[in-house]
Amino acid sequence: MAQPDDSDADFALSPQLLLNAYAAGVFPMSEHRDDPEVYWVDPRRRGVLPLEGFHLSRSLARRMRRARYNVTLNAAFADVVDACADREETWISNEIRNQYLALHQLGHAHSIEVWSDGNLIGGVYGVTLGAAFFGESMFSRQTDASKLALAHLVDHLRRCGFTLFDTQFITAHLATLGAIEISRAEYHKRLDAALRKRAHIDHMPLCDTPYCVVQRMTQTS
């Protein structure tokens, strides 16, 4: 994950404090897994993934049409968080992990899991508030697994009425999928609009048929 460009250390987390932070346009990070401090980050340039602008490459569409995987929603939230943190350097401290698990129990944090032969091969998790989804982290254990997770997530968020997918920072990986970078002022404008709306990630069942997801994305691209 990219390094924050504006941050402040702050006090202990709580689920309500996290939700207030997201509503204010900031999010938490730590320096490492055992770091007791949390830094509140509000980047000068913000990454967002337009829900109508997901770039489905031909190679990813072919992989989806083969359907050699299955996708679930909130079936293994803790496992996804742990997989995202399972790297040499991680901003997901033990305290941050515990608070996201608490947010999940409260219905504000969610995960998409990608499975192959019963094994968890990829996933993404984030926080929902209003009609905004704040993407936190993703992982991949097989080629394109995180891209599959994002494709299904974007499709599901769009069908459930979400209007903002916040990726925090933009990376080369996200840019290939259609993510763009906007100013802090523009981000807060979009965030305010999303918070005035209501959307629920469980408004409808997750469409786990890859072909239908590809068809919808092809029609709207």
Protein backbone atom coordinates (compact mmCIF):
# COMPACT_ATOMS: atom_id res chain seq x y z
CA MET A 1 0.00 0.00 0.00
CA ALA A 2 1.26 3.48 -0.76
CA GLN A 3 2.67 5.65 1.99
CA PRO A 4 0.31 8.28 3.45
CA ASP A 5 1.16 11.89 2.67
CA ASP A 6 -0.83 13.49 5.52
CA SER A 7 -1.24 11.74 8.86
CA ASP A 8 -1.61 12.27 12.58
CA ALA A 9 -1.18 9.85 15.45
CA ASP A 10 -4.28 9.53 17.58
CA PHE A 11 -5.79 7.61 20.47
CA ALA A 12 -7.24 4.12 20.74
CA LEU A 13 -9.71 2.95 18.16
CA SER A 14 -13.33 2.03 18.58
CA PRO A 15 -15.94 1.04 15.98
CA GLN A 16 -17.78 4.35 16.37
CA LEU A 17 -14.56 6.34 16.09
CA LEU A 18 -13.76 4.48 12.86
CA LEU A 19 -17.17 5.23 11.39
CA ASN A 20 -16.86 8.90 12.35
CA ALA A 21 -13.45 9.00 10.71
CA TYR A 22 -14.71 7.52 7.45
CA ALA A 23 -17.60 9.98 7.44
CA ALA A 24 -15.05 12.78 7.81
CA GLY A 25 -12.97 11.41 4.93
CA VAL A 26 -10.02 9.98 6.89
CA PHE A 27 -8.90 6.42 7.54
CA PRO A 28 -6.48 4.68 9.93
CA MET A 29 -3.06 3.16 9.30
CA SER A 30 -0.22 1.88 11.45
CA GLU A 31 3.48 1.57 10.69
CA HIS A 32 3.64 -2.18 11.30
CA ARG A 33 1.76 -5.13 12.77
CA ASP A 34 2.78 -4.47 16.39
CA ASP A 35 2.57 -0.68 16.24
CA PRO A 36 0.42 0.59 19.15
CA GLU A 37 -0.22 3.92 17.40
CA VAL A 38 -2.79 4.72 14.74
CA TYR A 39 -2.36 7.45 12.13
CA TRP A 40 -5.34 9.21 10.56
CA VAL A 41 -4.79 9.76 6.86
CA ASP A 42 -6.44 12.22 4.47
CA PRO A 43 -4.45 12.11 1.19
CA ARG A 44 -4.11 15.22 -0.93
CA ARG A 45 -4.92 13.03 -3.96
CA ARG A 46 -7.50 10.27 -3.52
CA GLY A 47 -8.00 7.07 -5.45
CA VAL A 48 -11.52 6.07 -6.46
CA LEU A 49 -12.83 3.27 -8.66
CA PRO A 50 -15.83 4.51 -10.67
CA LEU A 51 -18.52 1.85 -10.37
CA GLU A 52 -19.60 2.44 -13.97
CA GLY A 53 -16.04 2.51 -15.21
CA PHE A 54 -14.51 -0.81 -14.20
CA HIS A 55 -12.12 -1.90 -16.94
CA LEU A 56 -12.71 -5.55 -17.73
CA SER A 57 -9.80 -6.71 -19.86
CA ARG A 58 -10.25 -9.47 -22.40
CA SER A 59 -7.97 -11.78 -20.45
CA LEU A 60 -9.89 -11.23 -17.20
CA ALA A 61 -13.21 -11.71 -19.01
CA ARG A 62 -11.96 -15.00 -20.42
CA ARG A 63 -10.88 -16.14 -16.96
CA MET A 64 -14.30 -15.27 -15.57
CA ARG A 65 -16.14 -17.08 -18.34
CA ARG A 66 -14.19 -20.24 -17.59
CA ALA A 67 -15.77 -20.09 -14.11
CA ARG A 68 -13.13 -22.20 -12.43
CA TYR A 69 -13.75 -20.46 -9.13
CA ASN A 70 -16.60 -19.37 -6.90
CA VAL A 71 -17.24 -16.17 -4.99
CA THR A 72 -18.84 -15.50 -1.59
CA LEU A 73 -19.79 -12.47 0.47
CA ASN A 74 -18.83 -12.30 4.16
CA ALA A 75 -18.11 -16.02 4.36
CA ALA A 76 -14.57 -15.63 5.74
CA PHE A 77 -14.07 -12.01 6.77
CA ALA A 78 -11.35 -12.64 9.37
CA ASP A 79 -9.47 -14.90 6.95
CA VAL A 80 -9.47 -12.17 4.30
CA VAL A 81 -8.18 -9.55 6.75
CA ASP A 82 -5.46 -11.93 7.94
CA ALA A 83 -4.47 -12.77 4.37
CA CYS A 84 -4.22 -9.06 3.53
CA ALA A 85 -1.96 -8.55 6.56
CA ASP A 86 0.16 -11.61 5.78
CA ARG A 87 3.09 -9.81 4.19
CA GLU A 88 6.49 -8.61 5.30
CA GLU A 89 5.30 -5.05 5.82
CA THR A 90 1.68 -4.29 6.72
CA TRP A 91 -0.24 -1.27 7.97
CA ILE A 92 -2.86 -3.60 9.48
CA SER A 93 -1.82 -3.65 13.13
CA ASN A 94 -3.31 -6.05 15.63
CA GLU A 95 -5.48 -3.24 17.01
CA ILE A 96 -6.74 -2.24 13.57
CA ARG A 97 -7.51 -5.89 12.82
CA ASN A 98 -9.55 -6.25 16.01
CA GLN A 99 -11.55 -3.10 15.29
CA TYR A 100 -12.40 -4.20 11.75
CA LEU A 101 -13.61 -7.51 13.13
CA ALA A 102 -15.84 -5.50 15.48
CA LEU A 103 -17.10 -3.40 12.56
CA HIS A 104 -17.88 -6.62 10.71
CA GLN A 105 -19.97 -7.83 13.63
CA LEU A 106 -21.86 -4.52 13.53
CA GLY A 107 -22.55 -4.93 9.79
CA HIS A 108 -20.25 -2.14 8.59
CA ALA A 109 -17.28 -4.16 7.30
CA HIS A 110 -17.54 -6.73 4.54
CA SER A 111 -15.44 -9.06 2.45
CA ILE A 112 -15.59 -10.74 -0.92
CA GLU A 113 -13.88 -14.12 -1.08
CA VAL A 114 -12.66 -16.00 -4.15
CA TRP A 115 -12.34 -19.78 -3.82
CA SER A 116 -10.85 -22.54 -5.96
CA ASP A 117 -11.19 -26.20 -5.04
CA GLY A 118 -12.19 -25.18 -1.52
CA ASN A 119 -9.14 -22.95 -1.04
CA LEU A 120 -9.29 -19.20 -0.43
CA ILE A 121 -7.24 -17.73 -3.27
CA GLY A 122 -8.16 -14.05 -3.19
CA GLY A 123 -10.31 -11.42 -1.61
CA VAL A 124 -10.97 -7.82 -0.71
CA TYR A 125 -12.50 -6.16 2.34
CA GLY A 126 -13.74 -2.71 3.26
CA VAL A 127 -16.20 -0.58 5.20
CA THR A 128 -19.65 0.62 4.15
CA LEU A 129 -21.35 3.82 5.22
CA GLY A 130 -24.28 5.37 3.40
CA ALA A 131 -23.76 4.61 -0.29
CA ALA A 132 -19.97 4.58 0.03
CA PHE A 133 -17.65 1.58 0.10
CA PHE A 134 -14.21 2.26 1.55
CA GLY A 135 -11.86 -0.37 0.18
CA GLU A 136 -9.20 -1.29 2.71
CA SER A 137 -7.04 -4.07 1.31
CA MET A 138 -6.98 -7.06 -1.00
CA PHE A 139 -4.84 -10.11 -1.59
CA SER A 140 -4.17 -12.72 -4.24
CA ARG A 141 -2.74 -16.21 -3.99
CA GLN A 142 -3.33 -17.09 -7.63
CA THR A 143 -3.09 -15.08 -10.82
CA ASP A 144 -5.85 -12.46 -11.11
CA ALA A 145 -7.61 -13.60 -7.91
CA SER A 146 -7.78 -10.09 -6.47
CA LYS A 147 -9.01 -8.78 -9.83
CA LEU A 148 -11.79 -11.37 -9.78
CA ALA A 149 -12.74 -10.24 -6.28
CA LEU A 150 -12.86 -6.60 -7.35
CA ALA A 151 -14.89 -7.35 -10.47
CA HIS A 152 -17.55 -9.18 -8.48
CA LEU A 153 -17.48 -6.52 -5.75
CA VAL A 154 -17.95 -3.64 -8.19
CA ASP A 155 -20.84 -5.46 -9.87
CA HIS A 156 -22.48 -6.15 -6.51
CA LEU A 157 -22.04 -2.61 -5.19
CA ARG A 158 -23.54 -1.17 -8.35
CA ARG A 159 -26.56 -3.49 -8.14
CA CYS A 160 -27.06 -2.59 -4.47
CA GLY A 161 -27.13 1.16 -5.09
CA PHE A 162 -23.67 2.26 -3.99
CA THR A 163 -22.24 5.37 -5.65
CA LEU A 164 -18.68 5.67 -4.32
CA PHE A 165 -15.84 3.14 -4.21
CA ASP A 166 -12.95 4.72 -2.33
CA THR A 167 -9.60 2.98 -2.95
CA GLN A 168 -7.71 5.48 -0.73
CA PHE A 169 -4.58 5.55 -2.91
CA ILE A 170 -4.16 4.66 -6.55
CA THR A 171 -1.73 1.96 -7.66
CA ALA A 172 -0.70 0.71 -11.07
CA HIS A 173 -2.74 -2.42 -10.39
CA LEU A 174 -5.90 -0.43 -9.62
CA ALA A 175 -5.31 1.93 -12.54
CA THR A 176 -5.48 -1.01 -14.97
CA LEU A 177 -8.97 -1.72 -13.61
CA GLY A 178 -10.20 1.83 -14.16
CA ALA A 179 -9.29 3.55 -10.89
CA ILE A 180 -8.63 7.27 -11.12
CA GLU A 181 -7.12 9.90 -8.87
CA ILE A 182 -9.07 12.96 -7.78
CA SER A 183 -8.36 15.95 -5.59
CA ARG A 184 -9.14 15.97 -1.89
CA ALA A 185 -11.84 18.59 -2.46
CA GLU A 186 -13.51 16.52 -5.20
CA TYR A 187 -13.34 13.42 -3.03
CA HIS A 188 -15.06 15.13 -0.11
CA LYS A 189 -17.74 16.39 -2.50
CA ARG A 190 -18.42 12.83 -3.71
CA LEU A 191 -18.25 11.47 -0.18
CA ASP A 192 -20.81 13.96 1.10
CA ALA A 193 -23.18 13.01 -1.72
CA ALA A 194 -22.74 9.28 -1.00
CA LEU A 195 -23.33 9.71 2.72
CA ARG A 196 -26.67 11.38 2.04
CA LYS A 197 -27.86 8.19 0.31
CA ARG A 198 -28.67 4.77 1.70
CA ALA A 199 -27.39 1.51 0.30
CA HIS A 200 -27.05 -1.95 1.81
CA ILE A 201 -24.57 -4.56 0.66
CA ASP A 202 -27.07 -7.30 1.47
CA HIS A 203 -29.87 -5.60 -0.46
CA MET A 204 -29.72 -8.50 -2.89
CA PRO A 205 -27.82 -11.78 -3.08
CA LEU A 206 -24.31 -11.76 -4.47
CA CYS A 207 -24.35 -12.80 -8.12
CA ASP A 208 -21.82 -15.59 -8.09
CA THR A 209 -22.31 -16.50 -11.75
CA PRO A 210 -19.28 -15.02 -13.50
CA TYR A 211 -20.91 -14.97 -16.93
CA CYS A 212 -23.69 -12.62 -15.74
CA VAL A 213 -21.13 -10.25 -14.22
CA VAL A 214 -19.15 -10.18 -17.47
CA GLN A 215 -22.30 -9.56 -19.48
CA ARG A 216 -23.37 -6.61 -17.31
CA MET A 217 -19.90 -5.06 -17.36
CA THR A 218 -19.63 -5.46 -21.12
CA GLN A 219 -22.98 -3.73 -21.60
CA THR A 220 -22.03 -0.74 -19.44
CA SER A 221 -18.42 -0.32 -20.62
